[in-house]
Amino acid sequence: MLEVDKQYTISEVAEITGYPPHVLRYYEKEFELKIPRNESNHRFYTYLEIEQLQYIKSLQDKGFSNKQIKLILKSPEIVVDTNEETALTSVNPPAIIDAIEIAKEISLNLRESFFDELVNVLNDNNGYNVKLINELMDEIIALKNELNSKERDVLICENAKLKMKLKEKSYEIAGLKERIKRMENSRGFLQRLFKGK
């Protein structure tokens, strides 16, 4: 038995309704239920929210889809027949059917006028659009050429740096060869000097 003044946690409501907590959170969004929260921003349920969830469960048990249940919850004039044959009926079906037909007609007219207007705008702006596309293409080509030019400049600079390093290494190698030659010459001189003694 539910207490009218008690605040229930989501776990307690899960036990009462048979819905797991993740389903309760999903239904809060799905059916746009106004579940109160405490100072810590945690959900709590009262007798009213539990009644609402049990009503949703009873509608599901009767075979209603979530879309239909949402419509029932939002429209108080819609009632559910409790006869053997479960059906979604309204207090004034002809008025709803007329309203639906009028809405369909308005929708079709709006769609037609929208597309007509869109075609007119596109046709009116056709020359401008072509000009704009051509300008964009020219700009893209210019940017591409500029990129190629910059890439070429970078490659030339890198090539010049490598050539300079190669030249430096060549001078370094030539200097080392010269030192080796001098050392060999001085060694030969020392050997001749000592052989003579």
Protein backbone atom coordinates (compact mmCIF):
# COMPACT_ATOMS: atom_id res chain seq x y z
CA MET A 1 0.00 0.00 0.00
CA LEU A 2 1.39 3.39 -1.03
CA GLU A 3 1.64 6.19 1.50
CA VAL A 4 0.34 9.50 0.13
CA ASP A 5 2.89 11.76 1.86
CA LYS A 6 5.97 9.53 1.47
CA GLN A 7 8.84 10.27 -0.91
CA TYR A 8 10.08 7.13 -2.66
CA THR A 9 13.54 6.56 -4.14
CA ILE A 10 14.01 5.33 -7.69
CA SER A 11 14.93 1.87 -6.35
CA GLU A 12 11.71 1.67 -4.34
CA VAL A 13 9.67 2.76 -7.36
CA ALA A 14 11.45 0.15 -9.48
CA GLU A 15 10.25 -2.49 -7.01
CA ILE A 16 6.70 -1.11 -6.91
CA THR A 17 6.24 -0.71 -10.69
CA GLY A 18 8.42 -3.54 -11.94
CA TYR A 19 10.37 -1.13 -14.16
CA PRO A 20 14.18 -1.13 -13.72
CA PRO A 21 15.68 2.28 -12.76
CA HIS A 22 17.11 2.88 -16.25
CA VAL A 23 13.62 2.39 -17.72
CA LEU A 24 12.18 4.86 -15.20
CA ARG A 25 14.77 7.45 -16.28
CA TYR A 26 14.02 6.71 -19.95
CA TYR A 27 10.25 7.05 -19.41
CA GLU A 28 10.82 10.38 -17.65
CA LYS A 29 12.22 11.71 -20.94
CA GLU A 30 10.03 9.65 -23.28
CA PHE A 31 6.72 10.67 -21.70
CA GLU A 32 7.99 14.07 -20.48
CA LEU A 33 7.11 13.24 -16.88
CA LYS A 34 7.75 15.92 -14.27
CA ILE A 35 9.68 13.92 -11.65
CA PRO A 36 10.56 16.14 -8.64
CA ARG A 37 14.11 16.40 -7.32
CA ASN A 38 15.47 17.09 -3.86
CA GLU A 39 18.12 19.65 -2.81
CA SER A 40 20.86 17.20 -3.93
CA ASN A 41 19.20 16.99 -7.36
CA HIS A 42 18.19 13.34 -6.82
CA ARG A 43 14.85 12.13 -8.13
CA PHE A 44 12.14 11.29 -5.67
CA TYR A 45 8.70 9.95 -6.42
CA THR A 46 5.42 10.67 -4.71
CA TYR A 47 2.12 8.85 -4.87
CA LEU A 48 1.18 10.89 -8.00
CA GLU A 49 4.27 9.90 -10.06
CA ILE A 50 3.87 6.24 -9.10
CA GLU A 51 0.20 6.37 -10.12
CA GLN A 52 1.23 7.87 -13.46
CA LEU A 53 3.83 5.13 -14.04
CA GLN A 54 1.28 2.45 -13.13
CA TYR A 55 -1.17 4.02 -15.60
CA ILE A 56 1.53 3.87 -18.31
CA LYS A 57 2.13 0.22 -17.45
CA SER A 58 -1.61 -0.56 -17.71
CA LEU A 59 -1.78 1.12 -21.13
CA GLN A 60 1.25 -0.89 -22.28
CA ASP A 61 -0.40 -4.07 -21.02
CA LYS A 62 -3.42 -3.21 -23.18
CA GLY A 63 -1.14 -3.01 -26.24
CA PHE A 64 -0.71 0.72 -26.70
CA SER A 65 2.54 1.98 -28.22
CA ASN A 66 4.65 4.66 -26.51
CA LYS A 67 3.48 7.16 -29.15
CA GLN A 68 -0.16 6.42 -28.34
CA ILE A 69 0.50 6.56 -24.58
CA LYS A 70 2.20 9.94 -24.99
CA LEU A 71 -0.88 11.18 -26.87
CA ILE A 72 -3.18 9.88 -24.12
CA LEU A 73 -1.09 11.54 -21.38
CA LYS A 74 -0.99 14.89 -23.22
CA SER A 75 -4.63 15.00 -24.33
CA PRO A 76 -7.17 14.78 -21.53
CA GLU A 77 -10.04 14.62 -24.07
CA ILE A 78 -8.77 11.25 -25.31
CA VAL A 79 -10.17 8.30 -23.43
CA VAL A 80 -9.40 4.61 -23.54
CA ASP A 81 -12.24 2.15 -24.06
CA THR A 82 -12.23 -0.49 -21.36
CA ASN A 83 -14.28 -2.94 -23.46
CA GLU A 84 -12.87 -6.26 -24.64
CA GLU A 85 -11.67 -4.52 -27.79
CA THR A 86 -9.10 -2.00 -26.65
CA ALA A 87 -9.03 1.05 -28.86
CA LEU A 88 -7.94 4.65 -28.77
CA THR A 89 -11.02 6.83 -29.21
CA SER A 90 -11.78 10.43 -28.61
CA VAL A 91 -14.76 12.33 -27.38
CA ASN A 92 -15.45 13.82 -30.81
CA PRO A 93 -13.89 11.64 -33.59
CA PRO A 94 -15.35 13.51 -36.60
CA ALA A 95 -13.88 16.82 -35.38
CA ILE A 96 -10.44 15.24 -35.03
CA ILE A 97 -10.69 13.61 -38.46
CA ASP A 98 -11.70 16.99 -39.96
CA ALA A 99 -8.83 18.68 -38.16
CA ILE A 100 -6.40 16.04 -39.45
CA GLU A 101 -7.67 16.49 -43.02
CA ILE A 102 -7.37 20.27 -42.74
CA ALA A 103 -3.86 19.91 -41.32
CA LYS A 104 -2.88 17.58 -44.19
CA GLU A 105 -4.25 20.04 -46.74
CA ILE A 106 -2.44 22.98 -45.12
CA SER A 107 0.75 20.92 -45.01
CA LEU A 108 0.47 20.05 -48.71
CA ASN A 109 -0.23 23.68 -49.64
CA LEU A 110 2.72 24.87 -47.56
CA ARG A 111 4.99 22.26 -49.08
CA GLU A 112 3.93 23.18 -52.63
CA SER A 113 4.30 26.91 -52.03
CA PHE A 114 7.66 26.38 -50.32
CA PHE A 115 9.06 24.36 -53.23
CA ASP A 116 7.60 26.80 -55.77
CA GLU A 117 9.23 29.68 -53.92
CA LEU A 118 12.50 27.77 -53.63
CA VAL A 119 12.54 27.06 -57.38
CA ASN A 120 11.81 30.75 -58.08
CA VAL A 121 14.62 31.90 -55.80
CA LEU A 122 17.05 29.43 -57.38
CA ASN A 123 16.02 30.49 -60.90
CA ASP A 124 16.24 34.20 -60.05
CA ASN A 125 19.68 33.76 -58.56
CA ASN A 126 20.97 31.34 -61.19
CA GLY A 127 23.29 33.88 -62.87
CA TYR A 128 24.56 35.12 -59.54
CA ASN A 129 25.12 31.54 -58.31
CA VAL A 130 27.12 30.65 -61.45
CA LYS A 131 29.21 33.82 -61.04
CA LEU A 132 29.78 33.03 -57.37
CA ILE A 133 30.81 29.44 -58.18
CA ASN A 134 33.23 30.67 -60.87
CA GLU A 135 34.76 33.18 -58.46
CA LEU A 136 35.18 30.45 -55.86
CA MET A 137 36.81 28.16 -58.43
CA ASP A 138 39.23 30.96 -59.45
CA GLU A 139 40.06 31.55 -55.80
CA ILE A 140 40.69 27.83 -55.25
CA ILE A 141 42.99 27.70 -58.29
CA ALA A 142 44.87 30.79 -57.07
CA LEU A 143 45.31 29.25 -53.61
CA LYS A 144 46.48 25.98 -55.16
CA ASN A 145 49.05 27.83 -57.29
CA GLU A 146 50.21 29.81 -54.27
CA LEU A 147 50.63 26.58 -52.31
CA ASN A 148 52.59 24.99 -55.17
CA SER A 149 54.77 28.11 -55.37
CA LYS A 150 55.43 28.06 -51.62
CA GLU A 151 56.20 24.33 -51.73
CA ARG A 152 58.63 24.96 -54.59
CA ASP A 153 60.31 27.78 -52.62
CA VAL A 154 60.65 25.53 -49.59
CA LEU A 155 62.17 22.76 -51.72
CA ILE A 156 64.63 25.22 -53.31
CA CYS A 157 65.68 26.49 -49.86
CA GLU A 158 66.09 22.95 -48.53
CA ASN A 159 68.10 22.01 -51.63
CA ALA A 160 70.37 25.05 -51.17
CA LYS A 161 70.92 24.14 -47.49
CA LEU A 162 71.82 20.58 -48.43
CA LYS A 163 74.25 21.79 -51.09
CA MET A 164 75.87 24.10 -48.54
CA LYS A 165 76.24 21.24 -46.05
CA LEU A 166 77.70 19.05 -48.79
CA LYS A 167 80.24 21.78 -49.62
CA GLU A 168 81.14 22.15 -45.93
CA LYS A 169 81.66 18.39 -45.64
CA SER A 170 83.78 18.40 -48.81
CA TYR A 171 86.03 21.11 -47.32
CA GLU A 172 86.15 19.18 -44.06
CA ILE A 173 87.17 15.98 -45.90
CA ALA A 174 89.77 17.88 -47.96
CA GLY A 175 91.19 19.36 -44.74
CA LEU A 176 91.35 15.91 -43.13
CA LYS A 177 93.10 14.48 -46.20
CA GLU A 178 95.61 17.32 -46.06
CA ARG A 179 96.31 16.64 -42.37
CA ILE A 180 96.74 12.92 -43.07
CA LYS A 181 99.18 13.72 -45.90
CA ARG A 182 101.17 16.06 -43.66
CA MET A 183 101.26 13.48 -40.92
CA GLU A 184 102.46 10.82 -43.37
CA ASN A 185 105.11 13.20 -44.68
CA SER A 186 106.31 14.08 -41.21
CA ARG A 187 106.35 10.39 -40.24
CA GLY A 188 108.37 9.61 -43.39
CA PHE A 189 110.81 12.42 -42.52
CA LEU A 190 111.19 11.13 -38.97
CA GLN A 191 111.71 7.57 -40.23
CA ARG A 192 114.40 8.75 -42.68
CA LEU A 193 116.02 10.79 -39.97
CA PHE A 194 116.20 7.89 -37.56
CA LYS A 195 117.22 5.36 -40.24
CA GLY A 196 120.17 7.45 -41.13
CA LYS A 197 121.58 7.12 -37.61
